[in-house]
Amino acid sequence: MAMTSSPMMNVEAAAERLGCSVKHVRNMIYEKRIPYFKVGRLIRFDPDVLENWVQSNRVDPEPPLKR
């Protein structure tokens, strides 16, 4: 994972980017469902890694069933 020069995001900024609550992001961290970094006791997110994670979890629509 290559880090970029983009500033790291905290939990609140990640929640805002994902459009969910801080509690939901913390639950995903606890369940290890989202990529993050620990800097001491702080949780940080690389914006590029987070964006790649969002894209990799995208679910494309399926064509409608023919009857």
C-alpha atoms as a PDB file:
ATOM      1  CA  MET A   1       0.000   0.000   0.000  1.00  0.00           C
ATOM      2  CA  ALA A   2       1.646   3.196  -1.133  1.00  0.00           C
ATOM      3  CA  MET A   3       0.851   6.273   0.873  1.00  0.00           C
ATOM      4  CA  THR A   4       0.369   9.572  -0.890  1.00  0.00           C
ATOM      5  CA  SER A   5       1.016  13.123   0.156  1.00  0.00           C
ATOM      6  CA  SER A   6      -2.710  13.578   0.913  1.00  0.00           C
ATOM      7  CA  PRO A   7      -3.307  14.364   4.573  1.00  0.00           C
ATOM      8  CA  MET A   8      -4.598  11.445   6.600  1.00  0.00           C
ATOM      9  CA  MET A   9      -8.256  11.533   7.657  1.00  0.00           C
ATOM     10  CA  ASN A  10      -9.584  10.985  11.169  1.00  0.00           C
ATOM     11  CA  VAL A  11     -12.676   8.911  11.991  1.00  0.00           C
ATOM     12  CA  GLU A  12     -14.990  11.911  11.740  1.00  0.00           C
ATOM     13  CA  ALA A  13     -13.701  12.871   8.273  1.00  0.00           C
ATOM     14  CA  ALA A  14     -13.974   9.253   7.092  1.00  0.00           C
ATOM     15  CA  ALA A  15     -17.579   9.086   8.338  1.00  0.00           C
ATOM     16  CA  GLU A  16     -18.385  12.299   6.491  1.00  0.00           C
ATOM     17  CA  ARG A  17     -16.764  10.968   3.288  1.00  0.00           C
ATOM     18  CA  LEU A  18     -18.692   7.683   3.567  1.00  0.00           C
ATOM     19  CA  GLY A  19     -21.959   9.414   4.476  1.00  0.00           C
ATOM     20  CA  CYS A  20     -22.464   7.428   7.653  1.00  0.00           C
ATOM     21  CA  SER A  21     -22.176   7.944  11.383  1.00  0.00           C
ATOM     22  CA  VAL A  22     -18.948   7.973  13.365  1.00  0.00           C
ATOM     23  CA  LYS A  23     -20.344   5.048  15.364  1.00  0.00           C
ATOM     24  CA  HIS A  24     -20.739   3.004  12.171  1.00  0.00           C
ATOM     25  CA  VAL A  25     -17.131   3.709  11.137  1.00  0.00           C
ATOM     26  CA  ARG A  26     -15.940   2.715  14.617  1.00  0.00           C
ATOM     27  CA  ASN A  27     -17.944  -0.523  14.361  1.00  0.00           C
ATOM     28  CA  MET A  28     -16.315  -1.285  10.987  1.00  0.00           C
ATOM     29  CA  ILE A  29     -12.897  -0.616  12.548  1.00  0.00           C
ATOM     30  CA  TYR A  30     -13.685  -2.962  15.460  1.00  0.00           C
ATOM     31  CA  GLU A  31     -14.829  -5.650  13.008  1.00  0.00           C
ATOM     32  CA  LYS A  32     -11.778  -4.966  10.768  1.00  0.00           C
ATOM     33  CA  ARG A  33     -14.049  -4.366   7.775  1.00  0.00           C
ATOM     34  CA  ILE A  34     -12.392  -1.095   6.691  1.00  0.00           C
ATOM     35  CA  PRO A  35      -8.705  -0.331   6.019  1.00  0.00           C
ATOM     36  CA  TYR A  36      -7.130   1.993   8.586  1.00  0.00           C
ATOM     37  CA  PHE A  37      -3.816   2.905  10.201  1.00  0.00           C
ATOM     38  CA  LYS A  38      -3.025   3.204  13.880  1.00  0.00           C
ATOM     39  CA  VAL A  39      -0.694   6.025  14.836  1.00  0.00           C
ATOM     40  CA  GLY A  40      -0.138   5.398  18.513  1.00  0.00           C
ATOM     41  CA  ARG A  41      -3.696   5.239  19.819  1.00  0.00           C
ATOM     42  CA  LEU A  42      -5.077   7.327  16.958  1.00  0.00           C
ATOM     43  CA  ILE A  43      -7.004   5.834  14.040  1.00  0.00           C
ATOM     44  CA  ARG A  44      -6.263   7.388  10.650  1.00  0.00           C
ATOM     45  CA  PHE A  45      -7.362   6.729   7.068  1.00  0.00           C
ATOM     46  CA  ASP A  46      -5.434   7.333   3.851  1.00  0.00           C
ATOM     47  CA  PRO A  47      -7.970   9.076   1.554  1.00  0.00           C
ATOM     48  CA  ASP A  48      -6.740   7.195  -1.544  1.00  0.00           C
ATOM     49  CA  VAL A  49      -6.925   3.803   0.192  1.00  0.00           C
ATOM     50  CA  LEU A  50     -10.401   4.649   1.496  1.00  0.00           C
ATOM     51  CA  GLU A  51     -11.541   5.643  -2.007  1.00  0.00           C
ATOM     52  CA  ASN A  52     -10.161   2.378  -3.451  1.00  0.00           C
ATOM     53  CA  TRP A  53     -11.971   0.455  -0.696  1.00  0.00           C
ATOM     54  CA  VAL A  54     -15.241   2.221  -1.535  1.00  0.00           C
ATOM     55  CA  GLN A  55     -14.830   1.380  -5.238  1.00  0.00           C
ATOM     56  CA  SER A  56     -13.912  -2.253  -4.522  1.00  0.00           C
ATOM     57  CA  ASN A  57     -17.076  -2.684  -2.421  1.00  0.00           C
ATOM     58  CA  ARG A  58     -19.340  -1.330  -5.115  1.00  0.00           C
ATOM     59  CA  VAL A  59     -22.207  -3.602  -6.118  1.00  0.00           C
ATOM     60  CA  ASP A  60     -23.255  -3.215  -9.732  1.00  0.00           C
ATOM     61  CA  PRO A  61     -26.925  -3.580 -10.587  1.00  0.00           C
ATOM     62  CA  GLU A  62     -28.050  -6.755 -12.293  1.00  0.00           C
ATOM     63  CA  PRO A  63     -30.312  -6.706 -15.335  1.00  0.00           C
ATOM     64  CA  PRO A  64     -33.995  -7.241 -14.565  1.00  0.00           C
ATOM     65  CA  LEU A  65     -35.308 -10.798 -14.659  1.00  0.00           C
ATOM     66  CA  LYS A  66     -37.286 -11.710 -17.770  1.00  0.00           C
ATOM     67  CA  ARG A  67     -40.637 -13.322 -17.119  1.00  0.00           C
END
